[in-house]
Amino acid sequence: MKRRILVVAAHPDDEILGCGGTIARLVKEGHRVSTLILGEGVTSRDASRDADNRRLDIGKLRQEAVSANRIIGVREVSFCDFPDNRFDTVPFLDIVKTIENMKKRIGPAAIFTHYHGDLNVDHRITYGAVITAARPMRKETVREIYSFEALSSTEWNYPSTFSPDIFFDITGTIGLKLKAMGIYKSELRKFPHPRSLKGVRLSAECWGIKTGLGCAEAFKAARMII
C-alpha cells in the first residue's frame, strides 16, 4: 500500500542526517514523501539575526535543501522562517499550527522527526510540536511517528541516551544519502566530526553492525498503531 509520509525537521540538513537513506528507500518503494523544514538554520552563527549577509546564506541553504531532497526523491520541500536555535523564543502554538496546516494539506500516514532527548533546543521543540500537532484523535491520519538522531547533536546530550527500537535497512540507499548530504557544503565538517561524510557513513555502518545489516538508520518509535 502506497502512503504519504511527512518529514518534519528543525533545520536544513537534519532531514538527510536523520532519515535520508530511509526516505530514499521509501520513495523507491512508491511512497510519496514531503519535507517541512521549520527553521532558517543560519542566524545563530551571528550576534544579530538581522545581519544582511545571513539572509543571503539562508537563500543558499534553502537551494541546497531542495537539491538534496531531490536526490533522495522528495519533490516537495516547504520552508518556514523560525529563528535558528531560538525556537524557545517563539510561541509554541505557532510551531504546532505550522505543522498542523502541513499535515492537514497532505494527510500523512507517518511522520519522521527529531528525538525528544536531543541536545539542540530546536530539535526538542520540533519533536514536541509534532506530537502535539498529531494528537491521536478520531480521524487523525498519522498512525506512525518515528524520531531520528541528528549527528553532532543527539549523541552530545550527556547523559541522555538515544535508544532506538526501529531500524531501516539502507544498504541500497546509503550512496544517495551521502550524495544528498554532500550538497550541504556549509554544514559539512572534516572527519572525525560526526557531521562529515565519513562520519555519516560510519554511523550507518555502526547501526548495520548492531542489526546484522550492511547499513541502517535507527529510530525511536513515538507511535505505532497497527
N, C-alpha and C. Protein backbone atom coordinates (compact mmCIF):
# COMPACT_ATOMS: atom_id res chain seq x y z
N MET A 1 0.84 -1.19 0.00
CA MET A 1 0.00 0.00 0.00
C MET A 1 0.88 1.25 0.00
N LYS A 2 0.67 2.13 -0.96
CA LYS A 2 1.46 3.36 -1.06
C LYS A 2 0.89 4.40 -0.11
N ARG A 3 1.77 5.09 0.61
CA ARG A 3 1.33 6.03 1.63
C ARG A 3 1.99 7.39 1.45
N ARG A 4 1.42 8.39 2.11
CA ARG A 4 2.01 9.72 2.18
C ARG A 4 2.78 9.85 3.49
N ILE A 5 3.97 10.38 3.38
CA ILE A 5 4.87 10.47 4.53
C ILE A 5 5.38 11.90 4.64
N LEU A 6 5.49 12.39 5.88
CA LEU A 6 5.97 13.75 6.13
C LEU A 6 7.22 13.70 6.99
N VAL A 7 8.24 14.42 6.58
CA VAL A 7 9.45 14.61 7.38
C VAL A 7 9.40 16.03 7.94
N VAL A 8 9.49 16.16 9.26
CA VAL A 8 9.49 17.48 9.90
C VAL A 8 10.86 17.67 10.56
N ALA A 9 11.64 18.58 10.02
CA ALA A 9 12.99 18.83 10.51
C ALA A 9 13.12 20.26 11.00
N ALA A 10 13.98 20.46 11.98
CA ALA A 10 14.19 21.80 12.52
C ALA A 10 15.00 22.67 11.57
N HIS A 11 16.03 22.08 10.96
CA HIS A 11 16.96 22.86 10.13
C HIS A 11 17.29 22.12 8.83
N PRO A 12 17.67 22.85 7.79
CA PRO A 12 18.15 22.18 6.59
C PRO A 12 19.37 21.31 6.90
N ASP A 13 19.37 20.13 6.47
CA ASP A 13 20.33 19.01 6.60
C ASP A 13 19.91 18.01 7.65
N ASP A 14 19.06 18.40 8.62
CA ASP A 14 18.59 17.45 9.62
C ASP A 14 17.83 16.29 8.97
N GLU A 15 17.06 16.61 7.92
CA GLU A 15 16.25 15.58 7.27
C GLU A 15 17.13 14.53 6.60
N ILE A 16 18.27 14.94 6.05
CA ILE A 16 19.17 13.99 5.41
C ILE A 16 19.95 13.21 6.47
N LEU A 17 20.47 13.92 7.46
CA LEU A 17 21.20 13.25 8.55
C LEU A 17 20.34 12.21 9.24
N GLY A 18 19.09 12.59 9.53
CA GLY A 18 18.24 11.72 10.34
C GLY A 18 17.62 10.56 9.61
N CYS A 19 17.16 10.80 8.37
CA CYS A 19 16.41 9.73 7.70
C CYS A 19 16.57 9.75 6.18
N GLY A 20 17.65 10.33 5.68
CA GLY A 20 17.84 10.43 4.23
C GLY A 20 17.85 9.10 3.51
N GLY A 21 18.51 8.10 4.08
CA GLY A 21 18.56 6.79 3.46
C GLY A 21 17.22 6.09 3.48
N THR A 22 16.49 6.24 4.59
CA THR A 22 15.17 5.62 4.71
C THR A 22 14.18 6.26 3.75
N ILE A 23 14.22 7.60 3.66
CA ILE A 23 13.30 8.28 2.74
C ILE A 23 13.60 7.89 1.30
N ALA A 24 14.87 7.81 0.94
CA ALA A 24 15.22 7.38 -0.42
C ALA A 24 14.66 5.99 -0.70
N ARG A 25 14.74 5.11 0.28
CA ARG A 25 14.20 3.76 0.11
C ARG A 25 12.68 3.79 -0.03
N LEU A 26 12.00 4.57 0.81
CA LEU A 26 10.54 4.63 0.77
C LEU A 26 10.04 5.22 -0.54
N VAL A 27 10.76 6.21 -1.05
CA VAL A 27 10.38 6.78 -2.35
C VAL A 27 10.53 5.73 -3.45
N LYS A 28 11.62 4.98 -3.41
CA LYS A 28 11.83 3.91 -4.39
C LYS A 28 10.71 2.87 -4.33
N GLU A 29 10.16 2.68 -3.12
CA GLU A 29 9.08 1.71 -2.95
C GLU A 29 7.72 2.26 -3.37
N GLY A 30 7.71 3.54 -3.77
CA GLY A 30 6.48 4.12 -4.31
C GLY A 30 5.72 5.05 -3.40
N HIS A 31 6.25 5.30 -2.21
CA HIS A 31 5.56 6.19 -1.28
C HIS A 31 5.84 7.65 -1.65
N ARG A 32 4.92 8.53 -1.29
CA ARG A 32 5.07 9.96 -1.58
C ARG A 32 5.53 10.68 -0.31
N VAL A 33 6.65 11.36 -0.40
CA VAL A 33 7.25 11.99 0.78
C VAL A 33 7.34 13.50 0.59
N SER A 34 6.98 14.24 1.63
CA SER A 34 7.13 15.70 1.66
C SER A 34 8.00 16.07 2.85
N THR A 35 8.77 17.15 2.71
CA THR A 35 9.64 17.61 3.79
C THR A 35 9.23 19.01 4.23
N LEU A 36 9.12 19.21 5.54
CA LEU A 36 8.86 20.52 6.13
C LEU A 36 10.05 20.89 7.00
N ILE A 37 10.70 21.99 6.66
CA ILE A 37 11.85 22.49 7.42
C ILE A 37 11.42 23.75 8.15
N LEU A 38 11.44 23.72 9.47
CA LEU A 38 10.85 24.78 10.27
C LEU A 38 11.74 26.01 10.44
N GLY A 39 13.04 25.80 10.62
CA GLY A 39 13.93 26.91 10.94
C GLY A 39 14.81 27.31 9.77
N GLU A 40 15.29 28.57 9.82
CA GLU A 40 16.15 29.02 8.72
C GLU A 40 17.56 28.44 8.82
N GLY A 41 18.00 28.05 10.01
CA GLY A 41 19.22 27.26 10.12
C GLY A 41 20.53 27.98 10.04
N VAL A 42 20.54 29.33 10.12
CA VAL A 42 21.77 30.06 9.88
C VAL A 42 22.09 31.11 10.94
N THR A 43 21.10 31.89 11.34
CA THR A 43 21.39 33.16 12.02
C THR A 43 21.95 33.04 13.43
N SER A 44 21.95 31.86 14.01
CA SER A 44 22.57 31.73 15.34
C SER A 44 24.08 31.90 15.28
N ARG A 45 24.64 31.88 14.08
CA ARG A 45 26.08 31.99 13.92
C ARG A 45 26.57 33.44 14.03
N ASP A 46 25.63 34.39 14.05
CA ASP A 46 25.96 35.80 14.21
C ASP A 46 25.34 36.33 15.51
N ALA A 47 25.88 37.41 16.01
CA ALA A 47 25.33 38.03 17.21
C ALA A 47 23.92 38.56 16.95
N SER A 48 23.69 39.03 15.73
CA SER A 48 22.39 39.58 15.37
C SER A 48 21.75 38.73 14.30
N ARG A 49 20.46 38.46 14.46
CA ARG A 49 19.74 37.67 13.47
C ARG A 49 19.51 38.44 12.18
N ASP A 50 19.63 39.75 12.23
CA ASP A 50 19.28 40.59 11.09
C ASP A 50 20.46 40.92 10.17
N ALA A 51 21.59 40.28 10.39
CA ALA A 51 22.76 40.56 9.55
C ALA A 51 22.43 40.27 8.08
N ASP A 52 22.70 41.24 7.20
CA ASP A 52 22.30 41.11 5.79
C ASP A 52 22.93 39.90 5.11
N ASN A 53 24.20 39.64 5.43
CA ASN A 53 24.87 38.52 4.77
C ASN A 53 24.22 37.19 5.12
N ARG A 54 23.63 37.11 6.30
CA ARG A 54 22.98 35.87 6.70
C ARG A 54 21.70 35.62 5.91
N ARG A 55 21.03 36.67 5.48
CA ARG A 55 19.84 36.48 4.66
C ARG A 55 20.22 35.83 3.33
N LEU A 56 21.36 36.20 2.81
CA LEU A 56 21.85 35.56 1.58
C LEU A 56 22.18 34.10 1.85
N ASP A 57 22.77 33.83 3.00
CA ASP A 57 23.11 32.45 3.37
C ASP A 57 21.86 31.59 3.50
N ILE A 58 20.78 32.17 4.01
CA ILE A 58 19.53 31.43 4.15
C ILE A 58 19.03 30.99 2.78
N GLY A 59 19.08 31.89 1.81
CA GLY A 59 18.64 31.55 0.46
C GLY A 59 19.48 30.44 -0.14
N LYS A 60 20.78 30.50 0.06
CA LYS A 60 21.68 29.46 -0.46
C LYS A 60 21.39 28.12 0.21
N LEU A 61 21.17 28.15 1.52
CA LEU A 61 20.90 26.91 2.25
C LEU A 61 19.60 26.27 1.79
N ARG A 62 18.61 27.09 1.49
CA ARG A 62 17.35 26.54 1.00
C ARG A 62 17.51 25.92 -0.38
N GLN A 63 18.32 26.52 -1.21
CA GLN A 63 18.59 25.93 -2.52
C GLN A 63 19.27 24.58 -2.36
N GLU A 64 20.21 24.50 -1.41
CA GLU A 64 20.88 23.23 -1.14
C GLU A 64 19.87 22.19 -0.65
N ALA A 65 18.94 22.62 0.19
CA ALA A 65 17.94 21.70 0.72
C ALA A 65 17.07 21.12 -0.39
N VAL A 66 16.64 21.97 -1.31
CA VAL A 66 15.82 21.50 -2.43
C VAL A 66 16.60 20.49 -3.27
N SER A 67 17.86 20.80 -3.55
CA SER A 67 18.68 19.89 -4.36
C SER A 67 18.94 18.57 -3.63
N ALA A 68 19.23 18.66 -2.33
CA ALA A 68 19.50 17.44 -1.55
C ALA A 68 18.27 16.55 -1.49
N ASN A 69 17.10 17.15 -1.30
CA ASN A 69 15.87 16.36 -1.22
C ASN A 69 15.52 15.73 -2.56
N ARG A 70 15.82 16.41 -3.64
CA ARG A 70 15.56 15.82 -4.96
C ARG A 70 16.39 14.57 -5.18
N ILE A 71 17.60 14.57 -4.65
CA ILE A 71 18.47 13.40 -4.80
C ILE A 71 17.84 12.17 -4.16
N ILE A 72 17.19 12.35 -3.02
CA ILE A 72 16.57 11.19 -2.35
C ILE A 72 15.11 10.99 -2.80
N GLY A 73 14.66 11.80 -3.75
CA GLY A 73 13.34 11.57 -4.34
C GLY A 73 12.22 12.44 -3.82
N VAL A 74 12.53 13.40 -2.96
CA VAL A 74 11.49 14.28 -2.41
C VAL A 74 11.37 15.52 -3.29
N ARG A 75 10.18 15.73 -3.82
CA ARG A 75 9.95 16.86 -4.72
C ARG A 75 9.34 18.06 -4.01
N GLU A 76 8.67 17.84 -2.91
CA GLU A 76 8.01 18.94 -2.20
C GLU A 76 8.76 19.26 -0.91
N VAL A 77 9.40 20.41 -0.86
CA VAL A 77 10.11 20.87 0.33
C VAL A 77 9.53 22.22 0.72
N SER A 78 8.99 22.31 1.93
CA SER A 78 8.40 23.56 2.41
C SER A 78 9.28 24.15 3.50
N PHE A 79 9.38 25.48 3.50
CA PHE A 79 10.25 26.16 4.45
C PHE A 79 9.47 27.15 5.31
N CYS A 80 9.88 27.24 6.58
CA CYS A 80 9.42 28.29 7.48
C CYS A 80 10.63 29.14 7.85
N ASP A 81 10.40 30.14 8.68
CA ASP A 81 11.48 31.07 8.99
C ASP A 81 11.65 31.25 10.50
N PHE A 82 11.41 30.18 11.24
CA PHE A 82 11.61 30.27 12.68
C PHE A 82 13.10 30.47 12.98
N PRO A 83 13.44 31.26 13.99
CA PRO A 83 14.84 31.66 14.22
C PRO A 83 15.73 30.52 14.69
N ASP A 84 16.89 30.43 14.09
CA ASP A 84 17.83 29.35 14.34
C ASP A 84 18.29 29.29 15.80
N ASN A 85 18.11 28.12 16.41
CA ASN A 85 18.48 27.89 17.81
C ASN A 85 17.79 28.86 18.77
N ARG A 86 16.62 29.33 18.33
CA ARG A 86 15.82 30.22 19.16
C ARG A 86 14.33 29.83 19.13
N PHE A 87 14.05 28.58 18.85
CA PHE A 87 12.64 28.16 18.82
C PHE A 87 11.96 28.42 20.17
N ASP A 88 12.75 28.46 21.24
CA ASP A 88 12.17 28.70 22.56
C ASP A 88 11.73 30.15 22.75
N THR A 89 12.01 31.02 21.78
CA THR A 89 11.55 32.40 21.84
C THR A 89 10.27 32.60 21.04
N VAL A 90 9.80 31.54 20.39
CA VAL A 90 8.61 31.59 19.55
C VAL A 90 7.45 30.95 20.29
N PRO A 91 6.25 31.52 20.22
CA PRO A 91 5.09 30.84 20.83
C PRO A 91 4.99 29.41 20.31
N PHE A 92 4.94 28.46 21.23
CA PHE A 92 4.90 27.05 20.85
C PHE A 92 3.73 26.76 19.91
N LEU A 93 2.62 27.43 20.15
CA LEU A 93 1.43 27.20 19.33
C LEU A 93 1.67 27.56 17.86
N ASP A 94 2.51 28.56 17.61
CA ASP A 94 2.81 28.94 16.23
C ASP A 94 3.48 27.80 15.48
N ILE A 95 4.38 27.11 16.15
CA ILE A 95 5.07 25.97 15.53
C ILE A 95 4.10 24.82 15.33
N VAL A 96 3.29 24.56 16.34
CA VAL A 96 2.30 23.49 16.23
C VAL A 96 1.35 23.74 15.06
N LYS A 97 0.85 24.97 14.94
CA LYS A 97 -0.09 25.30 13.87
C LYS A 97 0.54 25.14 12.49
N THR A 98 1.82 25.47 12.39
CA THR A 98 2.52 25.30 11.11
C THR A 98 2.53 23.83 10.69
N ILE A 99 2.81 22.97 11.64
CA ILE A 99 2.83 21.53 11.35
C ILE A 99 1.43 21.03 11.06
N GLU A 100 0.46 21.50 11.84
CA GLU A 100 -0.93 21.09 11.62
C GLU A 100 -1.40 21.45 10.21
N ASN A 101 -1.08 22.64 9.77
CA ASN A 101 -1.50 23.07 8.43
C ASN A 101 -0.91 22.19 7.34
N MET A 102 0.37 21.87 7.49
CA MET A 102 1.02 20.98 6.52
C MET A 102 0.39 19.59 6.57
N LYS A 103 0.15 19.12 7.77
CA LYS A 103 -0.41 17.79 7.96
C LYS A 103 -1.81 17.68 7.37
N LYS A 104 -2.61 18.71 7.58
CA LYS A 104 -3.97 18.71 7.03
C LYS A 104 -3.95 18.72 5.51
N ARG A 105 -2.98 19.39 4.94
CA ARG A 105 -2.92 19.50 3.49
C ARG A 105 -2.53 18.20 2.80
N ILE A 106 -1.59 17.46 3.40
CA ILE A 106 -1.11 16.25 2.71
C ILE A 106 -1.64 14.94 3.30
N GLY A 107 -2.15 14.97 4.55
CA GLY A 107 -2.71 13.77 5.16
C GLY A 107 -1.74 12.62 5.30
N PRO A 108 -0.59 12.83 5.97
CA PRO A 108 0.41 11.76 6.06
C PRO A 108 -0.03 10.62 6.98
N ALA A 109 0.40 9.42 6.62
CA ALA A 109 0.18 8.26 7.49
C ALA A 109 1.31 8.11 8.49
N ALA A 110 2.49 8.68 8.17
CA ALA A 110 3.66 8.56 9.04
C ALA A 110 4.43 9.86 9.03
N ILE A 111 5.05 10.16 10.17
CA ILE A 111 5.91 11.34 10.29
C ILE A 111 7.27 10.90 10.83
N PHE A 112 8.32 11.44 10.23
CA PHE A 112 9.68 11.29 10.74
C PHE A 112 10.12 12.64 11.28
N THR A 113 10.64 12.64 12.53
CA THR A 113 11.07 13.90 13.13
C THR A 113 12.16 13.65 14.16
N HIS A 114 12.49 14.68 14.92
CA HIS A 114 13.61 14.62 15.85
C HIS A 114 13.32 13.78 17.11
N TYR A 115 14.39 13.46 17.81
CA TYR A 115 14.33 12.72 19.07
C TYR A 115 14.11 13.70 20.22
N HIS A 116 13.28 13.31 21.17
CA HIS A 116 12.90 14.22 22.26
C HIS A 116 14.06 14.55 23.20
N GLY A 117 15.07 13.68 23.25
CA GLY A 117 16.18 13.89 24.18
C GLY A 117 17.40 14.51 23.55
N ASP A 118 17.20 15.28 22.50
CA ASP A 118 18.31 15.89 21.76
C ASP A 118 18.93 17.06 22.53
N LEU A 119 20.19 17.35 22.25
CA LEU A 119 20.86 18.49 22.87
C LEU A 119 20.32 19.82 22.34
N ASN A 120 20.01 19.88 21.05
CA ASN A 120 19.60 21.12 20.41
C ASN A 120 18.16 21.49 20.79
N VAL A 121 17.98 22.71 21.26
CA VAL A 121 16.67 23.14 21.73
C VAL A 121 15.64 23.12 20.61
N ASP A 122 16.03 23.49 19.39
CA ASP A 122 15.10 23.48 18.27
C ASP A 122 14.62 22.06 17.97
N HIS A 123 15.52 21.11 18.09
CA HIS A 123 15.15 19.71 17.84
C HIS A 123 14.13 19.22 18.86
N ARG A 124 14.37 19.55 20.13
CA ARG A 124 13.44 19.12 21.18
C ARG A 124 12.06 19.74 20.98
N ILE A 125 12.02 21.01 20.65
CA ILE A 125 10.74 21.70 20.46
C ILE A 125 10.02 21.17 19.23
N THR A 126 10.77 20.85 18.18
CA THR A 126 10.17 20.27 16.98
C THR A 126 9.48 18.96 17.31
N TYR A 127 10.14 18.11 18.08
CA TYR A 127 9.52 16.84 18.48
C TYR A 127 8.21 17.10 19.23
N GLY A 128 8.26 17.99 20.21
CA GLY A 128 7.07 18.27 21.00
C GLY A 128 5.94 18.83 20.15
N ALA A 129 6.29 19.67 19.18
CA ALA A 129 5.27 20.26 18.31
C ALA A 129 4.64 19.21 17.40
N VAL A 130 5.44 18.26 16.92
CA VAL A 130 4.91 17.17 16.10
C VAL A 130 3.94 16.32 16.91
N ILE A 131 4.35 15.94 18.11
CA ILE A 131 3.49 15.12 18.96
C ILE A 131 2.17 15.85 19.26
N THR A 132 2.25 17.15 19.46
CA THR A 132 1.06 17.93 19.74
C THR A 132 0.17 18.06 18.50
N ALA A 133 0.79 18.34 17.36
CA ALA A 133 0.03 18.52 16.13
C ALA A 133 -0.65 17.24 15.65
N ALA A 134 -0.07 16.10 16.02
CA ALA A 134 -0.60 14.80 15.57
C ALA A 134 -1.24 14.03 16.72
N ARG A 135 -1.93 14.74 17.59
CA ARG A 135 -2.58 14.09 18.73
C ARG A 135 -3.50 12.97 18.22
N PRO A 136 -3.51 11.82 18.91
CA PRO A 136 -4.27 10.66 18.42
C PRO A 136 -5.77 10.79 18.67
N MET A 137 -6.41 11.65 17.88
CA MET A 137 -7.84 11.85 17.97
C MET A 137 -8.53 11.15 16.80
N ARG A 138 -9.84 11.11 16.84
CA ARG A 138 -10.59 10.50 15.74
C ARG A 138 -10.29 11.24 14.44
N LYS A 139 -10.16 10.49 13.38
CA LYS A 139 -9.88 10.97 12.04
C LYS A 139 -8.44 11.45 11.85
N GLU A 140 -7.59 11.26 12.86
CA GLU A 140 -6.17 11.59 12.69
C GLU A 140 -5.55 10.59 11.71
N THR A 141 -4.85 11.12 10.71
CA THR A 141 -4.27 10.25 9.68
C THR A 141 -2.94 9.63 10.12
N VAL A 142 -2.23 10.30 11.04
CA VAL A 142 -0.89 9.86 11.41
C VAL A 142 -0.97 8.66 12.35
N ARG A 143 -0.51 7.53 11.86
CA ARG A 143 -0.54 6.30 12.65
C ARG A 143 0.85 5.87 13.10
N GLU A 144 1.88 6.49 12.53
CA GLU A 144 3.25 6.16 12.91
C GLU A 144 4.06 7.43 13.05
N ILE A 145 4.83 7.53 14.12
CA ILE A 145 5.76 8.65 14.31
C ILE A 145 7.11 8.06 14.69
N TYR A 146 8.13 8.39 13.89
CA TYR A 146 9.49 7.90 14.12
C TYR A 146 10.39 9.08 14.46
N SER A 147 11.15 8.96 15.53
CA SER A 147 12.10 10.02 15.88
C SER A 147 13.50 9.55 15.55
N PHE A 148 14.28 10.46 14.95
CA PHE A 148 15.61 10.10 14.47
C PHE A 148 16.70 10.85 15.24
N GLU A 149 17.91 10.36 15.12
CA GLU A 149 19.06 11.06 15.69
C GLU A 149 19.61 12.04 14.67
N ALA A 150 20.18 13.13 15.17
CA ALA A 150 20.88 14.09 14.32
C ALA A 150 22.33 14.13 14.78
N LEU A 151 23.21 13.61 13.95
CA LEU A 151 24.61 13.53 14.32
C LEU A 151 25.17 14.89 14.71
N SER A 152 26.01 14.92 15.72
CA SER A 152 26.62 16.11 16.31
C SER A 152 25.61 16.90 17.14
N SER A 153 24.57 16.22 17.58
CA SER A 153 23.60 16.86 18.47
C SER A 153 23.00 15.84 19.43
N THR A 154 22.37 14.81 18.88
CA THR A 154 21.71 13.82 19.73
C THR A 154 22.69 13.13 20.66
N GLU A 155 23.83 12.71 20.10
CA GLU A 155 24.78 11.93 20.91
C GLU A 155 25.56 12.82 21.89
N TRP A 156 25.45 14.12 21.78
CA TRP A 156 26.17 15.04 22.66
C TRP A 156 25.37 15.41 23.92
N ASN A 157 24.14 14.95 24.02
CA ASN A 157 23.30 15.35 25.15
C ASN A 157 23.49 14.41 26.34
N TYR A 158 24.69 14.40 26.88
CA TYR A 158 25.00 13.56 28.05
C TYR A 158 24.19 14.04 29.25
N PRO A 159 23.62 13.14 30.07
CA PRO A 159 23.69 11.68 29.97
C PRO A 159 22.52 11.03 29.23
N SER A 160 21.73 11.83 28.52
CA SER A 160 20.62 11.26 27.77
C SER A 160 21.15 10.30 26.69
N THR A 161 20.43 9.22 26.47
CA THR A 161 20.88 8.20 25.53
C THR A 161 19.81 7.94 24.48
N PHE A 162 20.20 7.94 23.23
CA PHE A 162 19.30 7.58 22.14
C PHE A 162 19.17 6.07 22.11
N SER A 163 17.96 5.57 22.36
CA SER A 163 17.72 4.12 22.44
C SER A 163 16.72 3.71 21.38
N PRO A 164 17.17 3.49 20.16
CA PRO A 164 16.25 3.18 19.06
C PRO A 164 15.65 1.79 19.17
N ASP A 165 14.48 1.63 18.58
CA ASP A 165 13.83 0.32 18.55
C ASP A 165 13.29 -0.05 17.17
N ILE A 166 13.53 0.82 16.20
CA ILE A 166 13.15 0.56 14.81
C ILE A 166 14.38 0.81 13.93
N PHE A 167 14.65 -0.11 13.01
CA PHE A 167 15.81 0.03 12.14
C PHE A 167 15.41 -0.21 10.69
N PHE A 168 15.80 0.71 9.82
CA PHE A 168 15.54 0.56 8.39
C PHE A 168 16.84 0.19 7.69
N ASP A 169 16.78 -0.84 6.87
CA ASP A 169 17.94 -1.26 6.08
C ASP A 169 18.14 -0.25 4.95
N ILE A 170 19.25 0.47 4.98
CA ILE A 170 19.53 1.45 3.91
C ILE A 170 20.79 1.08 3.12
N THR A 171 21.12 -0.21 3.14
CA THR A 171 22.30 -0.66 2.41
C THR A 171 22.22 -0.24 0.94
N GLY A 172 21.03 -0.28 0.39
CA GLY A 172 20.86 0.06 -1.02
C GLY A 172 20.74 1.55 -1.30
N THR A 173 20.61 2.36 -0.26
CA THR A 173 20.41 3.80 -0.48
C THR A 173 21.41 4.67 0.28
N ILE A 174 22.40 4.07 0.93
CA ILE A 174 23.40 4.87 1.65
C ILE A 174 24.13 5.80 0.68
N GLY A 175 24.33 5.36 -0.56
CA GLY A 175 25.00 6.20 -1.54
C GLY A 175 24.21 7.47 -1.83
N LEU A 176 22.88 7.34 -1.92
CA LEU A 176 22.03 8.51 -2.16
C LEU A 176 22.05 9.45 -0.95
N LYS A 177 22.06 8.87 0.24
CA LYS A 177 22.13 9.71 1.45
C LYS A 177 23.42 10.52 1.47
N LEU A 178 24.54 9.89 1.16
CA LEU A 178 25.82 10.59 1.17
C LEU A 178 25.89 11.64 0.07
N LYS A 179 25.32 11.32 -1.09
CA LYS A 179 25.31 12.29 -2.19
C LYS A 179 24.47 13.51 -1.81
N ALA A 180 23.32 13.26 -1.17
CA ALA A 180 22.47 14.35 -0.74
C ALA A 180 23.13 15.19 0.34
N MET A 181 23.77 14.52 1.28
CA MET A 181 24.45 15.25 2.36
C MET A 181 25.60 16.08 1.79
N GLY A 182 26.22 15.59 0.75
CA GLY A 182 27.33 16.32 0.14
C GLY A 182 26.91 17.65 -0.47
N ILE A 183 25.62 17.81 -0.73
CA ILE A 183 25.11 19.08 -1.26
C ILE A 183 25.22 20.19 -0.22
N TYR A 184 25.10 19.82 1.04
CA TYR A 184 25.14 20.80 2.13
C TYR A 184 26.58 21.18 2.46
N LYS A 185 27.22 21.89 1.57
CA LYS A 185 28.63 22.24 1.72
C LYS A 185 28.89 23.02 3.01
N SER A 186 28.00 23.96 3.34
CA SER A 186 28.23 24.81 4.52
C SER A 186 28.01 24.07 5.83
N GLU A 187 27.33 22.94 5.78
CA GLU A 187 27.01 22.21 7.02
C GLU A 187 27.98 21.07 7.29
N LEU A 188 28.73 20.66 6.29
CA LEU A 188 29.67 19.56 6.47
C LEU A 188 30.90 19.98 7.25
N ARG A 189 31.49 19.04 7.97
CA ARG A 189 32.72 19.29 8.71
C ARG A 189 33.72 18.19 8.33
N LYS A 190 34.97 18.39 8.72
CA LYS A 190 36.00 17.40 8.43
C LYS A 190 35.99 16.29 9.48
N PHE A 191 36.25 15.08 9.02
CA PHE A 191 36.38 13.94 9.93
C PHE A 191 37.53 14.19 10.90
N PRO A 192 37.38 13.88 12.19
CA PRO A 192 36.40 12.99 12.80
C PRO A 192 35.12 13.65 13.32
N HIS A 193 34.78 14.82 12.85
CA HIS A 193 33.49 15.40 13.23
C HIS A 193 32.37 14.46 12.75
N PRO A 194 31.36 14.22 13.59
CA PRO A 194 30.30 13.29 13.18
C PRO A 194 29.51 13.76 11.97
N ARG A 195 29.48 15.09 11.73
CA ARG A 195 28.75 15.60 10.57
C ARG A 195 29.68 15.76 9.38
N SER A 196 30.47 14.74 9.15
CA SER A 196 31.31 14.62 7.96
C SER A 196 30.76 13.46 7.15
N LEU A 197 31.09 13.40 5.88
CA LEU A 197 30.57 12.30 5.07
C LEU A 197 31.06 10.95 5.59
N LYS A 198 32.31 10.91 6.03
CA LYS A 198 32.82 9.66 6.60
C LYS A 198 32.09 9.34 7.90
N GLY A 199 31.81 10.36 8.70
CA GLY A 199 31.08 10.14 9.95
C GLY A 199 29.67 9.63 9.70
N VAL A 200 29.00 10.17 8.68
CA VAL A 200 27.65 9.73 8.34
C VAL A 200 27.66 8.27 7.90
N ARG A 201 28.65 7.92 7.07
CA ARG A 201 28.75 6.53 6.62
C ARG A 201 29.06 5.59 7.78
N LEU A 202 29.99 5.98 8.63
CA LEU A 202 30.35 5.13 9.76
C LEU A 202 29.17 4.91 10.70
N SER A 203 28.36 5.95 10.90
CA SER A 203 27.18 5.81 11.75
C SER A 203 26.21 4.78 11.17
N ALA A 204 25.99 4.86 9.85
CA ALA A 204 25.09 3.89 9.20
C ALA A 204 25.66 2.48 9.28
N GLU A 205 26.97 2.36 9.13
CA GLU A 205 27.60 1.04 9.23
C GLU A 205 27.54 0.51 10.66
N CYS A 206 27.69 1.42 11.63
CA CYS A 206 27.63 1.00 13.03
C CYS A 206 26.24 0.43 13.37
N TRP A 207 25.18 1.16 12.95
CA TRP A 207 23.84 0.62 13.19
C TRP A 207 23.64 -0.67 12.40
N GLY A 208 24.27 -0.78 11.23
CA GLY A 208 24.19 -2.01 10.47
C GLY A 208 24.83 -3.18 11.20
N ILE A 209 26.00 -2.92 11.80
CA ILE A 209 26.68 -3.96 12.58
C ILE A 209 25.80 -4.46 13.72
N LYS A 210 25.09 -3.54 14.35
CA LYS A 210 24.27 -3.88 15.52
C LYS A 210 22.99 -4.62 15.15
N THR A 211 22.64 -4.58 13.86
CA THR A 211 21.38 -5.20 13.44
C THR A 211 21.56 -6.24 12.34
N GLY A 212 22.81 -6.60 12.05
CA GLY A 212 23.06 -7.63 11.05
C GLY A 212 22.83 -7.16 9.63
N LEU A 213 23.04 -5.86 9.39
CA LEU A 213 22.81 -5.28 8.07
C LEU A 213 24.07 -4.60 7.58
N GLY A 214 24.08 -4.26 6.31
CA GLY A 214 25.22 -3.52 5.79
C GLY A 214 25.24 -2.10 6.31
N CYS A 215 24.12 -1.40 6.15
CA CYS A 215 23.95 -0.03 6.66
C CYS A 215 22.51 0.12 7.14
N ALA A 216 22.33 0.89 8.18
CA ALA A 216 20.98 1.08 8.72
C ALA A 216 20.82 2.48 9.28
N GLU A 217 19.58 2.93 9.35
CA GLU A 217 19.21 4.13 10.10
C GLU A 217 18.33 3.70 11.26
N ALA A 218 18.53 4.36 12.40
CA ALA A 218 17.86 3.96 13.63
C ALA A 218 16.83 5.00 14.06
N PHE A 219 15.72 4.52 14.63
CA PHE A 219 14.64 5.39 15.05
C PHE A 219 14.03 4.91 16.36
N LYS A 220 13.52 5.85 17.12
CA LYS A 220 12.73 5.54 18.31
C LYS A 220 11.27 5.76 17.95
N ALA A 221 10.46 4.73 18.09
CA ALA A 221 9.05 4.86 17.74
C ALA A 221 8.31 5.65 18.81
N ALA A 222 7.67 6.73 18.39
CA ALA A 222 6.84 7.52 19.29
C ALA A 222 5.37 7.10 19.17
N ARG A 223 5.03 6.49 18.04
CA ARG A 223 3.69 5.96 17.83
C ARG A 223 3.73 4.87 16.79
N MET A 224 2.97 3.82 17.02
CA MET A 224 2.89 2.73 16.06
C MET A 224 1.51 2.08 16.24
N ILE A 225 0.54 2.49 15.44
CA ILE A 225 -0.80 1.96 15.53
C ILE A 225 -0.99 0.92 14.44
N ILE A 226 -1.29 -0.29 14.84
CA ILE A 226 -1.45 -1.40 13.90
C ILE A 226 -2.85 -2.00 14.06
